[in-house]
N, C-alpha and C. Protein backbone atom coordinates (compact mmCIF):
# COMPACT_ATOMS: atom_id res chain seq x y z
N MET A 1 0.84 -1.18 0.00
CA MET A 1 0.00 0.00 0.00
C MET A 1 0.89 1.25 0.00
N GLU A 2 0.53 2.20 -0.78
CA GLU A 2 1.28 3.44 -0.95
C GLU A 2 1.08 4.37 0.24
N ASN A 3 2.15 4.99 0.70
CA ASN A 3 2.08 5.94 1.82
C ASN A 3 1.82 7.34 1.26
N ARG A 4 0.61 7.83 1.41
CA ARG A 4 0.25 9.13 0.87
C ARG A 4 0.62 10.29 1.78
N SER A 5 1.01 10.02 3.01
CA SER A 5 1.33 11.11 3.94
C SER A 5 2.58 11.86 3.51
N LYS A 6 3.46 11.22 2.74
CA LYS A 6 4.67 11.90 2.29
C LYS A 6 4.45 12.68 1.00
N GLY A 7 3.34 12.41 0.30
CA GLY A 7 3.04 13.11 -0.93
C GLY A 7 2.52 14.50 -0.66
N PHE A 8 2.61 15.33 -1.67
CA PHE A 8 2.15 16.71 -1.52
C PHE A 8 1.19 16.99 -2.66
N GLY A 9 -0.06 16.53 -2.49
CA GLY A 9 -1.06 16.69 -3.52
C GLY A 9 -1.73 18.05 -3.48
N ILE A 10 -2.50 18.34 -4.50
CA ILE A 10 -3.18 19.63 -4.61
C ILE A 10 -4.19 19.82 -3.48
N GLY A 11 -4.87 18.76 -3.08
CA GLY A 11 -5.83 18.85 -1.98
C GLY A 11 -5.14 19.22 -0.67
N HIS A 12 -4.01 18.59 -0.41
CA HIS A 12 -3.23 18.89 0.79
C HIS A 12 -2.76 20.33 0.76
N MET A 13 -2.32 20.80 -0.40
CA MET A 13 -1.84 22.16 -0.53
C MET A 13 -2.96 23.17 -0.28
N ILE A 14 -4.14 22.92 -0.81
CA ILE A 14 -5.27 23.84 -0.61
C ILE A 14 -5.67 23.88 0.86
N VAL A 15 -5.75 22.73 1.50
CA VAL A 15 -6.09 22.69 2.92
C VAL A 15 -5.05 23.44 3.73
N ARG A 16 -3.79 23.24 3.42
CA ARG A 16 -2.72 23.91 4.16
C ARG A 16 -2.78 25.43 3.99
N ILE A 17 -3.08 25.90 2.78
CA ILE A 17 -3.19 27.33 2.53
C ILE A 17 -4.37 27.92 3.30
N VAL A 18 -5.52 27.23 3.26
CA VAL A 18 -6.71 27.73 3.96
C VAL A 18 -6.46 27.76 5.47
N VAL A 19 -5.90 26.70 6.03
CA VAL A 19 -5.62 26.67 7.46
C VAL A 19 -4.60 27.75 7.83
N SER A 20 -3.58 27.91 7.01
CA SER A 20 -2.57 28.95 7.25
C SER A 20 -3.19 30.34 7.21
N ALA A 21 -4.10 30.56 6.27
CA ALA A 21 -4.77 31.86 6.16
C ALA A 21 -5.63 32.13 7.39
N VAL A 22 -6.34 31.12 7.87
CA VAL A 22 -7.16 31.30 9.07
C VAL A 22 -6.27 31.61 10.27
N VAL A 23 -5.18 30.88 10.41
CA VAL A 23 -4.25 31.13 11.52
C VAL A 23 -3.66 32.53 11.41
N LEU A 24 -3.26 32.95 10.21
CA LEU A 24 -2.73 34.30 10.03
C LEU A 24 -3.76 35.36 10.40
N ALA A 25 -5.00 35.15 10.03
CA ALA A 25 -6.06 36.11 10.37
C ALA A 25 -6.23 36.20 11.88
N ILE A 26 -6.22 35.08 12.55
CA ILE A 26 -6.34 35.08 14.02
C ILE A 26 -5.15 35.77 14.65
N VAL A 27 -3.96 35.45 14.18
CA VAL A 27 -2.74 36.05 14.73
C VAL A 27 -2.73 37.56 14.49
N ALA A 28 -3.14 37.99 13.29
CA ALA A 28 -3.18 39.43 13.00
C ALA A 28 -4.17 40.14 13.91
N PHE A 29 -5.28 39.48 14.21
CA PHE A 29 -6.28 40.06 15.11
C PHE A 29 -5.72 40.20 16.53
N LEU A 30 -4.95 39.21 16.97
CA LEU A 30 -4.44 39.19 18.34
C LEU A 30 -3.15 39.99 18.55
N THR A 31 -2.46 40.32 17.47
CA THR A 31 -1.14 40.93 17.58
C THR A 31 -1.17 42.40 17.19
N PRO A 32 -0.81 43.29 18.13
CA PRO A 32 -0.73 44.71 17.77
C PRO A 32 0.43 44.94 16.79
N GLY A 33 0.21 45.82 15.83
CA GLY A 33 1.25 46.10 14.84
C GLY A 33 1.28 45.13 13.69
N PHE A 34 0.27 44.28 13.57
CA PHE A 34 0.18 43.29 12.50
C PHE A 34 -1.17 43.46 11.84
N THR A 35 -1.16 43.93 10.58
CA THR A 35 -2.41 44.15 9.87
C THR A 35 -2.39 43.47 8.50
N ILE A 36 -3.55 42.98 8.13
CA ILE A 36 -3.75 42.41 6.80
C ILE A 36 -4.98 43.11 6.24
N SER A 37 -4.85 43.71 5.06
CA SER A 37 -5.90 44.61 4.57
C SER A 37 -7.05 43.95 3.82
N GLY A 38 -7.04 42.64 3.69
CA GLY A 38 -8.15 41.99 2.98
C GLY A 38 -7.90 40.52 2.77
N ILE A 39 -8.85 39.88 2.11
CA ILE A 39 -8.77 38.43 1.89
C ILE A 39 -7.64 38.05 0.93
N TRP A 40 -7.44 38.85 -0.13
CA TRP A 40 -6.40 38.50 -1.11
C TRP A 40 -5.00 38.63 -0.54
N PRO A 41 -4.68 39.72 0.18
CA PRO A 41 -3.36 39.75 0.83
C PRO A 41 -3.19 38.62 1.85
N LEU A 42 -4.28 38.25 2.52
CA LEU A 42 -4.24 37.16 3.49
C LEU A 42 -3.89 35.84 2.80
N LEU A 43 -4.58 35.53 1.72
CA LEU A 43 -4.30 34.29 0.98
C LEU A 43 -2.92 34.30 0.36
N LEU A 44 -2.53 35.44 -0.21
CA LEU A 44 -1.20 35.55 -0.81
C LEU A 44 -0.11 35.39 0.24
N ALA A 45 -0.31 35.99 1.41
CA ALA A 45 0.67 35.86 2.50
C ALA A 45 0.79 34.41 2.95
N ALA A 46 -0.34 33.70 3.05
CA ALA A 46 -0.31 32.28 3.43
C ALA A 46 0.47 31.47 2.40
N ILE A 47 0.29 31.79 1.13
CA ILE A 47 1.02 31.09 0.07
C ILE A 47 2.51 31.42 0.15
N VAL A 48 2.85 32.70 0.29
CA VAL A 48 4.25 33.12 0.35
C VAL A 48 4.96 32.48 1.55
N ILE A 49 4.32 32.51 2.71
CA ILE A 49 4.93 31.92 3.90
C ILE A 49 5.11 30.42 3.70
N GLY A 50 4.11 29.77 3.13
CA GLY A 50 4.22 28.33 2.86
C GLY A 50 5.34 28.00 1.89
N VAL A 51 5.48 28.79 0.83
CA VAL A 51 6.53 28.55 -0.17
C VAL A 51 7.92 28.79 0.45
N ILE A 52 8.08 29.87 1.19
CA ILE A 52 9.37 30.15 1.83
C ILE A 52 9.73 29.04 2.82
N ASP A 53 8.76 28.63 3.62
CA ASP A 53 8.98 27.54 4.58
C ASP A 53 9.38 26.26 3.86
N TYR A 54 8.68 25.95 2.78
CA TYR A 54 8.96 24.75 2.00
C TYR A 54 10.38 24.80 1.41
N LEU A 55 10.75 25.96 0.84
CA LEU A 55 12.07 26.10 0.24
C LEU A 55 13.18 25.98 1.29
N ILE A 56 12.98 26.61 2.43
CA ILE A 56 13.99 26.51 3.50
C ILE A 56 14.15 25.06 3.94
N GLU A 57 13.02 24.37 4.09
CA GLU A 57 13.09 22.99 4.53
C GLU A 57 13.75 22.09 3.49
N LYS A 58 13.46 22.30 2.21
CA LYS A 58 14.03 21.46 1.15
C LYS A 58 15.52 21.77 0.94
N ILE A 59 15.90 23.03 1.03
CA ILE A 59 17.30 23.41 0.79
C ILE A 59 18.19 23.05 1.97
N THR A 60 17.72 23.34 3.17
CA THR A 60 18.57 23.15 4.35
C THR A 60 18.22 21.91 5.15
N GLY A 61 17.03 21.35 4.95
CA GLY A 61 16.57 20.24 5.77
C GLY A 61 16.12 20.69 7.14
N PHE A 62 15.94 21.99 7.31
CA PHE A 62 15.63 22.61 8.60
C PHE A 62 14.15 22.92 8.68
N ASP A 63 13.50 22.43 9.73
CA ASP A 63 12.08 22.71 9.95
C ASP A 63 11.95 24.12 10.52
N ALA A 64 11.31 25.02 9.78
CA ALA A 64 11.23 26.43 10.18
C ALA A 64 9.99 26.74 10.99
N SER A 65 9.38 25.74 11.61
CA SER A 65 8.23 26.04 12.46
C SER A 65 8.73 26.67 13.76
N PRO A 66 7.91 27.52 14.39
CA PRO A 66 8.39 28.28 15.55
C PRO A 66 9.02 27.44 16.66
N PHE A 67 8.46 26.28 16.96
CA PHE A 67 9.06 25.47 18.02
C PHE A 67 9.62 24.17 17.46
N GLY A 68 9.81 24.12 16.13
CA GLY A 68 10.32 22.91 15.48
C GLY A 68 11.77 22.63 15.78
N ARG A 69 12.57 23.66 15.94
CA ARG A 69 14.00 23.50 16.21
C ARG A 69 14.49 24.45 17.29
N GLY A 70 13.67 24.65 18.28
CA GLY A 70 14.10 25.51 19.39
C GLY A 70 14.17 26.97 18.99
N ILE A 71 15.14 27.67 19.53
CA ILE A 71 15.25 29.11 19.31
C ILE A 71 15.55 29.45 17.85
N ILE A 72 16.31 28.61 17.17
CA ILE A 72 16.63 28.87 15.76
C ILE A 72 15.37 28.78 14.90
N GLY A 73 14.55 27.77 15.12
CA GLY A 73 13.29 27.65 14.38
C GLY A 73 12.37 28.81 14.66
N PHE A 74 12.37 29.26 15.90
CA PHE A 74 11.56 30.41 16.29
C PHE A 74 12.02 31.67 15.55
N ILE A 75 13.32 31.91 15.51
CA ILE A 75 13.88 33.09 14.84
C ILE A 75 13.62 33.03 13.34
N VAL A 76 13.82 31.87 12.75
CA VAL A 76 13.57 31.71 11.30
C VAL A 76 12.09 31.95 10.99
N SER A 77 11.21 31.42 11.83
CA SER A 77 9.77 31.62 11.62
C SER A 77 9.40 33.09 11.71
N ALA A 78 9.92 33.80 12.71
CA ALA A 78 9.65 35.23 12.85
C ALA A 78 10.19 36.00 11.65
N ALA A 79 11.36 35.61 11.15
CA ALA A 79 11.95 36.27 9.99
C ALA A 79 11.11 36.05 8.73
N ILE A 80 10.61 34.84 8.54
CA ILE A 80 9.75 34.54 7.40
C ILE A 80 8.50 35.41 7.44
N ILE A 81 7.88 35.49 8.61
CA ILE A 81 6.67 36.31 8.75
C ILE A 81 6.98 37.78 8.49
N TYR A 82 8.10 38.25 9.04
CA TYR A 82 8.48 39.66 8.87
C TYR A 82 8.76 39.99 7.41
N PHE A 83 9.53 39.15 6.73
CA PHE A 83 9.89 39.44 5.34
C PHE A 83 8.72 39.27 4.38
N THR A 84 7.70 38.55 4.78
CA THR A 84 6.49 38.45 3.97
C THR A 84 5.85 39.82 3.81
N GLY A 85 6.01 40.68 4.81
CA GLY A 85 5.49 42.05 4.73
C GLY A 85 6.12 42.85 3.60
N TYR A 86 7.35 42.51 3.21
CA TYR A 86 8.01 43.19 2.10
C TYR A 86 7.57 42.63 0.74
N ILE A 87 7.08 41.41 0.75
CA ILE A 87 6.71 40.75 -0.50
C ILE A 87 5.24 40.98 -0.85
N VAL A 88 4.37 40.96 0.17
CA VAL A 88 2.92 41.02 -0.05
C VAL A 88 2.39 42.41 0.29
N SER A 89 1.81 43.06 -0.70
CA SER A 89 1.17 44.36 -0.48
C SER A 89 -0.10 44.15 0.32
N GLY A 90 -0.32 44.95 1.34
CA GLY A 90 -1.50 44.81 2.19
C GLY A 90 -1.23 43.96 3.42
N PHE A 91 0.00 43.51 3.60
CA PHE A 91 0.42 42.71 4.75
C PHE A 91 1.49 43.52 5.46
N SER A 92 1.16 44.04 6.62
CA SER A 92 2.07 44.94 7.33
C SER A 92 2.36 44.39 8.72
N ILE A 93 3.65 44.30 9.06
CA ILE A 93 4.03 43.77 10.36
C ILE A 93 5.37 44.35 10.79
N SER A 94 5.48 44.68 12.06
CA SER A 94 6.76 45.15 12.61
C SER A 94 7.56 43.94 13.09
N ILE A 95 8.84 44.14 13.36
CA ILE A 95 9.68 43.03 13.81
C ILE A 95 9.20 42.50 15.16
N GLY A 96 8.81 43.39 16.05
CA GLY A 96 8.29 42.95 17.35
C GLY A 96 7.01 42.14 17.20
N SER A 97 6.15 42.59 16.29
CA SER A 97 4.91 41.86 16.04
C SER A 97 5.19 40.51 15.39
N ALA A 98 6.22 40.43 14.56
CA ALA A 98 6.59 39.15 13.94
C ALA A 98 7.04 38.15 15.01
N ILE A 99 7.73 38.65 16.02
CA ILE A 99 8.17 37.78 17.12
C ILE A 99 6.96 37.29 17.91
N ILE A 100 6.04 38.20 18.22
CA ILE A 100 4.82 37.81 18.93
C ILE A 100 4.00 36.82 18.08
N ALA A 101 3.90 37.10 16.78
CA ALA A 101 3.16 36.22 15.88
C ALA A 101 3.78 34.82 15.85
N ALA A 102 5.11 34.75 15.84
CA ALA A 102 5.79 33.44 15.84
C ALA A 102 5.46 32.66 17.11
N VAL A 103 5.38 33.36 18.24
CA VAL A 103 5.01 32.69 19.49
C VAL A 103 3.58 32.15 19.40
N ILE A 104 2.65 32.97 18.93
CA ILE A 104 1.26 32.54 18.83
C ILE A 104 1.12 31.38 17.86
N ILE A 105 1.80 31.46 16.72
CA ILE A 105 1.74 30.38 15.73
C ILE A 105 2.36 29.11 16.31
N GLY A 106 3.44 29.25 17.06
CA GLY A 106 4.05 28.09 17.71
C GLY A 106 3.11 27.41 18.67
N VAL A 107 2.37 28.20 19.45
CA VAL A 107 1.39 27.63 20.38
C VAL A 107 0.28 26.92 19.60
N ILE A 108 -0.19 27.53 18.52
CA ILE A 108 -1.23 26.89 17.70
C ILE A 108 -0.70 25.60 17.09
N ASN A 109 0.58 25.59 16.65
CA ASN A 109 1.19 24.37 16.11
C ASN A 109 1.24 23.26 17.15
N ILE A 110 1.44 23.62 18.40
CA ILE A 110 1.48 22.61 19.47
C ILE A 110 0.08 22.05 19.71
N ILE A 111 -0.93 22.92 19.65
CA ILE A 111 -2.31 22.50 19.93
C ILE A 111 -2.88 21.66 18.79
N LEU A 112 -2.67 22.09 17.54
CA LEU A 112 -3.21 21.37 16.39
C LEU A 112 -2.26 20.26 15.97
N PRO A 113 -2.76 19.06 15.79
CA PRO A 113 -1.89 17.95 15.39
C PRO A 113 -1.49 18.06 13.93
N GLY A 114 -0.38 17.47 13.59
CA GLY A 114 0.05 17.43 12.21
C GLY A 114 0.80 18.66 11.79
N ARG A 115 1.03 18.76 10.49
CA ARG A 115 1.80 19.86 9.97
C ARG A 115 0.95 20.69 9.02
N ALA A 116 -0.26 21.00 9.44
CA ALA A 116 -1.18 21.76 8.60
C ALA A 116 -0.98 23.26 8.74
N VAL A 117 -0.42 23.69 9.85
CA VAL A 117 -0.29 25.11 10.13
C VAL A 117 1.08 25.60 9.73
N LEU A 118 1.14 26.81 9.19
CA LEU A 118 2.36 27.50 8.81
C LEU A 118 3.56 26.72 9.06
């Protein structure tokens, strides 16, 4: 029997983007200095963060989730969130807010099973 958990199908990608967008919306609501101006910047930011995370993991073998690799994973996650603000118009975040967002996302990653969140 084929192991589908290692595959990266279109359905998995869509679910991951939607879950990431919902988490980003919640984090933006809870974090001062973090704003997203609409649904399209929210979806684009979720895609950009997912692509950057995927590339970092494939190139370095390093899991960039906030609590995936201790303090280094936390710093990389905050940096990804912060630099997304430069890539996506309508996504605004300060460095301090990116750090707070990484903490909140890390807590959500601990609560939700699997690797569906950012």
